[in-house]
Amino acid sequence: MRVAAHQPQILRSDDSVNRVIALLLPQGECLQEHEVREHALVFVTRGQLLVSASASERTLSAPSLIHFDPGERHEVRAISECQLVLCLAPWAAPGHPGQPAAA
């Protein structure tokens, strides 16, 4: 799988089910602290990743997997160039921008 830095690729998207995205995070770059409304599974397929969540830090080396609950704040930083596969489920979660408001 070839993914360019700063150009994530949607590998699969099924409404009400999940979205799978591949991305490349260059060495030293980070996705600053954020949260998503869905469950997030992050697969490290190449490289090393520093993960900060719930007041703790953890280093993941490929191949590895980490799960974030909906609304869990986290930050990830590439120790070395990292290829990641992100799975968000259910896609899109209620309240996600672009989703119709609940009746």
Protein backbone atom coordinates (compact mmCIF):
# COMPACT_ATOMS: atom_id res chain seq x y z
CA MET A 1 0.00 0.00 0.00
CA ARG A 2 1.49 3.33 -1.08
CA VAL A 3 0.36 6.46 0.75
CA ALA A 4 1.99 9.88 0.45
CA ALA A 5 2.55 12.12 3.45
CA HIS A 6 -0.32 14.56 4.06
CA GLN A 7 -2.52 12.70 1.55
CA PRO A 8 -4.64 10.19 3.49
CA GLN A 9 -6.48 7.61 1.39
CA ILE A 10 -9.96 6.35 2.20
CA LEU A 11 -9.71 2.61 1.66
CA ARG A 12 -13.33 1.85 2.47
CA SER A 13 -16.37 3.77 3.67
CA ASP A 14 -19.69 2.16 4.54
CA ASP A 15 -22.39 4.46 5.89
CA SER A 16 -23.50 3.48 9.40
CA VAL A 17 -20.74 0.86 9.58
CA ASN A 18 -17.13 2.07 9.32
CA ARG A 19 -14.51 4.09 7.50
CA VAL A 20 -10.96 2.82 6.91
CA ILE A 21 -8.21 5.33 6.13
CA ALA A 22 -4.50 4.86 5.35
CA LEU A 23 -2.09 7.65 6.17
CA LEU A 24 1.61 8.33 6.35
CA LEU A 25 2.99 10.41 9.21
CA PRO A 26 6.54 11.68 8.56
CA GLN A 27 9.17 11.34 11.29
CA GLY A 28 8.69 13.95 14.01
CA GLU A 29 5.22 15.03 12.88
CA CYS A 30 2.17 14.67 15.07
CA LEU A 31 -1.57 14.74 15.03
CA GLN A 32 -2.12 17.16 17.89
CA GLU A 33 -4.46 16.29 20.73
CA HIS A 34 -7.90 15.59 19.34
CA GLU A 35 -10.90 13.29 19.69
CA VAL A 36 -13.33 11.59 17.35
CA ARG A 37 -16.96 10.61 17.92
CA GLU A 38 -16.41 7.04 16.74
CA HIS A 39 -14.44 4.13 18.16
CA ALA A 40 -10.98 4.45 16.60
CA LEU A 41 -8.66 1.53 15.90
CA VAL A 42 -5.18 2.59 14.83
CA PHE A 43 -2.98 -0.06 13.22
CA VAL A 44 0.73 0.81 13.01
CA THR A 45 1.87 -1.02 9.88
CA ARG A 46 5.33 0.58 9.60
CA GLY A 47 7.50 2.63 11.94
CA GLN A 48 7.22 3.73 15.57
CA LEU A 49 4.52 5.91 17.09
CA LEU A 50 4.36 7.74 20.43
CA VAL A 51 0.78 7.80 21.73
CA SER A 52 -0.41 10.14 24.49
CA ALA A 53 -3.83 9.45 26.00
CA SER A 54 -5.45 9.41 29.43
CA ALA A 55 -2.42 11.09 31.07
CA SER A 56 -0.04 8.37 29.90
CA GLU A 57 2.38 7.81 27.01
CA ARG A 58 3.11 4.63 25.14
CA THR A 59 5.40 3.73 22.26
CA LEU A 60 4.02 1.43 19.57
CA SER A 61 6.17 -0.34 16.98
CA ALA A 62 4.86 -2.01 13.84
CA PRO A 63 2.95 -4.22 13.80
CA SER A 64 0.71 -3.01 16.60
CA LEU A 65 -2.80 -1.83 17.35
CA ILE A 66 -4.40 0.64 19.75
CA HIS A 67 -8.07 1.46 20.44
CA PHE A 68 -9.55 4.81 21.45
CA ASP A 69 -13.07 5.11 22.83
CA PRO A 70 -15.43 7.70 21.34
CA GLY A 71 -14.52 11.12 22.74
CA GLU A 72 -11.19 9.94 24.19
CA ARG A 73 -8.61 12.72 23.74
CA HIS A 74 -5.29 11.57 22.31
CA GLU A 75 -2.22 12.69 20.40
CA VAL A 76 0.10 10.66 18.17
CA ARG A 77 3.66 11.53 17.13
CA ALA A 78 5.83 9.67 14.61
CA ILE A 79 9.14 8.63 16.20
CA SER A 80 10.10 7.34 12.76
CA GLU A 81 8.12 7.58 9.53
CA CYS A 82 4.84 5.78 10.30
CA GLN A 83 2.29 4.19 8.07
CA LEU A 84 -1.05 3.90 9.83
CA VAL A 85 -4.41 2.38 9.04
CA LEU A 86 -7.28 3.98 10.93
CA CYS A 87 -10.69 2.38 11.32
CA LEU A 88 -13.57 4.54 12.60
CA ALA A 89 -16.80 2.81 13.64
CA PRO A 90 -19.65 3.31 13.45
CA TRP A 91 -19.23 5.76 10.56
CA ALA A 92 -20.40 8.38 10.92
CA ALA A 93 -21.30 8.47 14.60
CA PRO A 94 -24.31 10.51 15.72
CA GLY A 95 -23.34 14.16 16.05
CA HIS A 96 -20.53 13.89 13.51
CA PRO A 97 -20.26 17.08 11.41
CA GLY A 98 -22.21 16.64 8.20
CA GLN A 99 -24.64 14.14 9.71
CA PRO A 100 -28.29 15.17 9.91
CA ALA A 101 -29.48 16.19 13.38
CA ALA A 102 -31.36 13.51 15.32
CA ALA A 103 -35.13 13.85 15.15
